[in-house]
């Protein structure tokens, strides 16, 4: 059960990051993000989406590298959230959960 909840968290959080990419390139109306997002920063939002999906895939496949990728992705994600704090601050909770689980796994707690 935990495995599927965590997969859903990775997927959902990654999908939410795609809003930054979509807004930067005016591909859809995104009322969730009210601030301007430049195209270069929008590309980073898109890359983070891909990184969360890759992390999710590695976790699903039980590849031990998923935890390292998760921690790197969360650091980039949190930087973007900081840049859009008023709109995206609640993503910090998802990042905290993901980072904590990844760090625990990376440090040897491999019970999943």
N, C-alpha and C. Protein backbone atom coordinates (compact mmCIF):
# COMPACT_ATOMS: atom_id res chain seq x y z
N UNK A 1 0.82 -1.19 0.00
CA UNK A 1 0.00 0.00 0.00
C UNK A 1 0.86 1.26 0.00
N UNK A 2 1.91 1.28 0.88
CA UNK A 2 2.80 2.42 0.95
C UNK A 2 3.42 2.70 -0.41
N UNK A 3 3.85 1.65 -1.08
CA UNK A 3 4.52 1.79 -2.37
C UNK A 3 3.64 2.56 -3.35
N UNK A 4 2.36 2.25 -3.40
CA UNK A 4 1.46 2.89 -4.36
C UNK A 4 1.13 4.33 -3.96
N UNK A 5 1.06 4.60 -2.67
CA UNK A 5 0.85 5.97 -2.22
C UNK A 5 2.05 6.84 -2.58
N UNK A 6 3.24 6.27 -2.40
CA UNK A 6 4.45 7.02 -2.73
C UNK A 6 4.56 7.24 -4.24
N UNK A 7 4.23 6.23 -5.02
CA UNK A 7 4.21 6.39 -6.48
C UNK A 7 3.23 7.49 -6.89
N UNK A 8 2.07 7.52 -6.27
CA UNK A 8 1.06 8.54 -6.57
C UNK A 8 1.58 9.93 -6.19
N UNK A 9 2.27 10.05 -5.06
CA UNK A 9 2.85 11.32 -4.65
C UNK A 9 3.88 11.80 -5.66
N UNK A 10 4.78 10.93 -6.08
CA UNK A 10 5.78 11.30 -7.07
C UNK A 10 5.13 11.72 -8.38
N UNK A 11 4.15 10.95 -8.82
CA UNK A 11 3.46 11.26 -10.07
C UNK A 11 2.72 12.59 -9.98
N UNK A 12 1.94 12.75 -8.92
CA UNK A 12 1.14 13.97 -8.76
C UNK A 12 2.00 15.21 -8.62
N UNK A 13 3.05 15.12 -7.83
CA UNK A 13 3.92 16.28 -7.63
C UNK A 13 4.64 16.62 -8.94
N UNK A 14 5.07 15.60 -9.64
CA UNK A 14 5.70 15.84 -10.94
C UNK A 14 4.74 16.48 -11.92
N UNK A 15 3.52 15.99 -11.94
CA UNK A 15 2.51 16.54 -12.85
C UNK A 15 2.22 18.00 -12.54
N UNK A 16 2.17 18.35 -11.27
CA UNK A 16 1.93 19.74 -10.88
C UNK A 16 3.06 20.64 -11.38
N UNK A 17 4.28 20.13 -11.40
CA UNK A 17 5.40 20.92 -11.92
C UNK A 17 5.23 21.25 -13.40
N UNK A 18 4.50 20.43 -14.12
CA UNK A 18 4.29 20.73 -15.54
C UNK A 18 3.53 22.04 -15.74
N UNK A 19 2.80 22.49 -14.73
CA UNK A 19 2.08 23.76 -14.85
C UNK A 19 3.03 24.93 -15.09
N UNK A 20 4.20 24.90 -14.47
CA UNK A 20 5.20 25.95 -14.69
C UNK A 20 5.67 25.98 -16.13
N UNK A 21 5.88 24.81 -16.70
CA UNK A 21 6.27 24.72 -18.11
C UNK A 21 5.15 25.24 -19.01
N UNK A 22 3.93 24.79 -18.76
CA UNK A 22 2.79 25.20 -19.57
C UNK A 22 2.56 26.70 -19.50
N UNK A 23 2.70 27.29 -18.32
CA UNK A 23 2.51 28.73 -18.16
C UNK A 23 3.59 29.51 -18.90
N UNK A 24 4.83 29.08 -18.78
CA UNK A 24 5.94 29.80 -19.41
C UNK A 24 5.78 29.88 -20.92
N UNK A 25 5.20 28.86 -21.51
CA UNK A 25 5.07 28.82 -22.96
C UNK A 25 3.63 29.10 -23.42
N UNK A 26 2.80 29.62 -22.50
CA UNK A 26 1.41 29.97 -22.82
C UNK A 26 0.67 28.83 -23.53
N UNK A 27 0.87 27.62 -23.07
CA UNK A 27 0.22 26.46 -23.68
C UNK A 27 -1.17 26.20 -23.12
N UNK A 28 -1.44 26.79 -21.95
CA UNK A 28 -2.76 26.68 -21.34
C UNK A 28 -2.91 27.78 -20.31
N UNK A 29 -4.12 28.08 -19.95
CA UNK A 29 -4.38 29.04 -18.88
C UNK A 29 -4.17 28.34 -17.55
N UNK A 30 -3.27 28.85 -16.73
CA UNK A 30 -2.99 28.24 -15.43
C UNK A 30 -3.26 29.27 -14.35
N UNK A 31 -4.42 29.22 -13.77
CA UNK A 31 -4.78 30.16 -12.71
C UNK A 31 -4.05 29.84 -11.41
N UNK A 32 -3.48 28.65 -11.30
CA UNK A 32 -2.78 28.25 -10.08
C UNK A 32 -1.47 29.02 -9.91
N UNK A 33 -0.87 29.44 -11.01
CA UNK A 33 0.38 30.20 -10.96
C UNK A 33 0.10 31.60 -11.48
N UNK A 34 0.14 32.58 -10.58
CA UNK A 34 -0.24 33.94 -10.96
C UNK A 34 0.96 34.77 -11.42
N UNK A 35 2.16 34.44 -10.98
CA UNK A 35 3.35 35.19 -11.35
C UNK A 35 3.84 34.81 -12.74
N UNK A 36 4.70 35.68 -13.27
CA UNK A 36 5.31 35.39 -14.57
C UNK A 36 6.38 34.32 -14.42
N UNK A 37 6.46 33.46 -15.42
CA UNK A 37 7.51 32.45 -15.47
C UNK A 37 8.18 32.59 -16.83
N UNK A 38 9.48 32.86 -16.81
CA UNK A 38 10.21 33.01 -18.07
C UNK A 38 10.34 31.66 -18.77
N UNK A 39 10.65 31.71 -20.03
CA UNK A 39 10.81 30.45 -20.78
C UNK A 39 11.96 29.60 -20.24
N UNK A 40 13.13 30.20 -19.94
CA UNK A 40 14.20 29.34 -19.37
C UNK A 40 13.81 28.68 -18.05
N UNK A 41 13.12 29.41 -17.18
CA UNK A 41 12.68 28.83 -15.92
C UNK A 41 11.57 27.81 -16.19
N UNK A 42 10.72 28.08 -17.17
CA UNK A 42 9.67 27.14 -17.56
C UNK A 42 10.26 25.81 -18.01
N UNK A 43 11.39 25.88 -18.71
CA UNK A 43 12.06 24.64 -19.14
C UNK A 43 12.51 23.85 -17.91
N UNK A 44 13.00 24.55 -16.90
CA UNK A 44 13.42 23.85 -15.68
C UNK A 44 12.22 23.21 -15.00
N UNK A 45 11.06 23.89 -14.97
CA UNK A 45 9.84 23.29 -14.43
C UNK A 45 9.53 21.99 -15.19
N UNK A 46 9.68 22.02 -16.51
CA UNK A 46 9.42 20.83 -17.32
C UNK A 46 10.42 19.72 -17.04
N UNK A 47 11.68 20.09 -16.89
CA UNK A 47 12.72 19.10 -16.58
C UNK A 47 12.43 18.43 -15.24
N UNK A 48 11.98 19.21 -14.27
CA UNK A 48 11.64 18.63 -12.96
C UNK A 48 10.48 17.65 -13.08
N UNK A 49 9.52 17.96 -13.95
CA UNK A 49 8.43 17.01 -14.20
C UNK A 49 9.00 15.68 -14.68
N UNK A 50 9.90 15.75 -15.65
CA UNK A 50 10.52 14.54 -16.20
C UNK A 50 11.34 13.82 -15.12
N UNK A 51 12.05 14.59 -14.30
CA UNK A 51 12.86 13.97 -13.23
C UNK A 51 11.99 13.26 -12.21
N UNK A 52 10.84 13.84 -11.86
CA UNK A 52 9.95 13.14 -10.93
C UNK A 52 9.40 11.86 -11.56
N UNK A 53 9.09 11.91 -12.85
CA UNK A 53 8.59 10.70 -13.53
C UNK A 53 9.68 9.63 -13.61
N UNK A 54 10.91 10.06 -13.85
CA UNK A 54 12.03 9.11 -13.88
C UNK A 54 12.26 8.51 -12.49
N UNK A 55 12.19 9.35 -11.47
CA UNK A 55 12.33 8.87 -10.09
C UNK A 55 11.24 7.86 -9.77
N UNK A 56 10.02 8.18 -10.18
CA UNK A 56 8.89 7.27 -9.95
C UNK A 56 9.15 5.92 -10.63
N UNK A 57 9.64 5.96 -11.84
CA UNK A 57 9.92 4.73 -12.59
C UNK A 57 11.02 3.92 -11.91
N UNK A 58 12.09 4.60 -11.48
CA UNK A 58 13.18 3.90 -10.80
C UNK A 58 12.70 3.27 -9.49
N UNK A 59 11.85 4.00 -8.76
CA UNK A 59 11.29 3.46 -7.52
C UNK A 59 10.45 2.23 -7.82
N UNK A 60 9.60 2.31 -8.83
CA UNK A 60 8.73 1.20 -9.20
C UNK A 60 9.54 -0.04 -9.59
N UNK A 61 10.64 0.20 -10.30
CA UNK A 61 11.50 -0.89 -10.76
C UNK A 61 12.47 -1.38 -9.68
N UNK A 62 12.38 -0.77 -8.49
CA UNK A 62 13.24 -1.13 -7.36
C UNK A 62 14.71 -0.91 -7.64
N UNK A 63 15.01 0.09 -8.46
CA UNK A 63 16.39 0.48 -8.73
C UNK A 63 16.85 1.35 -7.56
N UNK A 64 17.92 0.99 -6.92
CA UNK A 64 18.37 1.70 -5.72
C UNK A 64 18.77 3.15 -5.99
N UNK A 65 18.96 3.52 -7.23
CA UNK A 65 19.32 4.90 -7.57
C UNK A 65 18.15 5.87 -7.44
N UNK A 66 16.93 5.36 -7.26
CA UNK A 66 15.77 6.24 -7.18
C UNK A 66 15.93 7.28 -6.07
N UNK A 67 16.52 6.89 -4.94
CA UNK A 67 16.62 7.80 -3.80
C UNK A 67 17.54 8.97 -4.09
N UNK A 68 18.65 8.72 -4.74
CA UNK A 68 19.56 9.80 -5.11
C UNK A 68 18.87 10.76 -6.09
N UNK A 69 18.20 10.21 -7.09
CA UNK A 69 17.48 11.05 -8.05
C UNK A 69 16.36 11.83 -7.38
N UNK A 70 15.70 11.21 -6.42
CA UNK A 70 14.63 11.90 -5.69
C UNK A 70 15.18 13.10 -4.94
N UNK A 71 16.30 12.93 -4.25
CA UNK A 71 16.86 14.03 -3.48
C UNK A 71 17.34 15.17 -4.38
N UNK A 72 17.96 14.85 -5.49
CA UNK A 72 18.38 15.88 -6.44
C UNK A 72 17.17 16.62 -7.00
N UNK A 73 16.15 15.88 -7.37
CA UNK A 73 14.95 16.47 -7.94
C UNK A 73 14.24 17.37 -6.94
N UNK A 74 14.18 16.94 -5.69
CA UNK A 74 13.52 17.75 -4.66
C UNK A 74 14.26 19.06 -4.45
N UNK A 75 15.57 19.06 -4.48
CA UNK A 75 16.33 20.30 -4.31
C UNK A 75 16.00 21.28 -5.44
N UNK A 76 15.95 20.79 -6.65
CA UNK A 76 15.59 21.66 -7.78
C UNK A 76 14.14 22.12 -7.65
N UNK A 77 13.27 21.19 -7.31
CA UNK A 77 11.85 21.50 -7.13
C UNK A 77 11.65 22.58 -6.08
N UNK A 78 12.34 22.45 -4.96
CA UNK A 78 12.16 23.41 -3.87
C UNK A 78 12.69 24.79 -4.28
N UNK A 79 13.72 24.83 -5.09
CA UNK A 79 14.22 26.10 -5.61
C UNK A 79 13.14 26.78 -6.46
N UNK A 80 12.50 26.01 -7.33
CA UNK A 80 11.42 26.56 -8.15
C UNK A 80 10.24 27.01 -7.28
N UNK A 81 9.91 26.21 -6.29
CA UNK A 81 8.82 26.58 -5.38
C UNK A 81 9.15 27.89 -4.67
N UNK A 82 10.39 28.05 -4.27
CA UNK A 82 10.81 29.30 -3.63
C UNK A 82 10.64 30.50 -4.56
N UNK A 83 10.86 30.29 -5.84
CA UNK A 83 10.71 31.37 -6.82
C UNK A 83 9.25 31.74 -7.06
N UNK A 84 8.35 30.82 -6.79
CA UNK A 84 6.91 31.05 -6.98
C UNK A 84 6.19 30.80 -5.66
N UNK A 85 6.77 31.26 -4.57
CA UNK A 85 6.34 30.91 -3.23
C UNK A 85 4.85 31.13 -2.99
N UNK A 86 4.32 32.28 -3.36
CA UNK A 86 2.91 32.58 -3.08
C UNK A 86 1.97 31.55 -3.69
N UNK A 87 2.31 31.05 -4.86
CA UNK A 87 1.45 30.10 -5.56
C UNK A 87 1.79 28.65 -5.27
N UNK A 88 3.04 28.37 -4.94
CA UNK A 88 3.51 26.98 -4.92
C UNK A 88 3.99 26.50 -3.56
N UNK A 89 3.82 27.29 -2.52
CA UNK A 89 4.40 26.95 -1.22
C UNK A 89 3.96 25.60 -0.67
N UNK A 90 2.75 25.14 -1.00
CA UNK A 90 2.28 23.87 -0.47
C UNK A 90 3.03 22.67 -1.07
N UNK A 91 3.72 22.88 -2.18
CA UNK A 91 4.57 21.83 -2.73
C UNK A 91 5.72 21.48 -1.81
N UNK A 92 6.03 22.37 -0.88
CA UNK A 92 7.09 22.10 0.09
C UNK A 92 6.77 20.86 0.92
N UNK A 93 5.49 20.66 1.25
CA UNK A 93 5.09 19.49 2.03
C UNK A 93 5.38 18.20 1.25
N UNK A 94 5.05 18.19 -0.03
CA UNK A 94 5.34 17.01 -0.85
C UNK A 94 6.84 16.78 -0.93
N UNK A 95 7.60 17.87 -1.12
CA UNK A 95 9.06 17.73 -1.19
C UNK A 95 9.63 17.20 0.11
N UNK A 96 9.11 17.67 1.22
CA UNK A 96 9.60 17.20 2.53
C UNK A 96 9.35 15.71 2.71
N UNK A 97 8.17 15.26 2.34
CA UNK A 97 7.85 13.82 2.45
C UNK A 97 8.76 13.00 1.53
N UNK A 98 8.88 13.43 0.28
CA UNK A 98 9.71 12.70 -0.69
C UNK A 98 11.16 12.67 -0.24
N UNK A 99 11.68 13.82 0.19
CA UNK A 99 13.08 13.89 0.61
C UNK A 99 13.34 13.02 1.83
N UNK A 100 12.44 13.05 2.79
CA UNK A 100 12.61 12.26 4.02
C UNK A 100 12.64 10.76 3.72
N UNK A 101 11.73 10.32 2.87
CA UNK A 101 11.69 8.89 2.51
C UNK A 101 12.93 8.50 1.72
N UNK A 102 13.33 9.36 0.79
CA UNK A 102 14.52 9.07 -0.02
C UNK A 102 15.78 9.04 0.84
N UNK A 103 15.89 9.99 1.76
CA UNK A 103 17.06 10.05 2.63
C UNK A 103 17.12 8.82 3.54
N UNK A 104 15.98 8.43 4.07
CA UNK A 104 15.93 7.23 4.92
C UNK A 104 16.37 6.00 4.13
N UNK A 105 15.86 5.87 2.91
CA UNK A 105 16.24 4.74 2.06
C UNK A 105 17.74 4.80 1.74
N UNK A 106 18.21 5.97 1.37
CA UNK A 106 19.61 6.14 0.97
C UNK A 106 20.55 5.80 2.14
N UNK A 107 20.09 6.06 3.36
CA UNK A 107 20.92 5.78 4.54
C UNK A 107 20.76 4.37 5.08
N UNK A 108 20.05 3.52 4.35
CA UNK A 108 20.03 2.12 4.73
C UNK A 108 18.71 1.56 5.17
N UNK A 109 17.68 2.37 5.29
CA UNK A 109 16.37 1.87 5.70
C UNK A 109 15.64 1.42 4.43
N UNK A 110 15.83 0.18 4.04
CA UNK A 110 15.35 -0.32 2.75
C UNK A 110 14.19 -1.30 2.92
N UNK A 111 13.20 -0.93 3.66
CA UNK A 111 12.08 -1.85 3.92
C UNK A 111 10.96 -1.76 2.91
N UNK A 112 11.05 -0.91 1.92
CA UNK A 112 9.96 -0.86 0.95
C UNK A 112 10.25 -1.87 -0.13
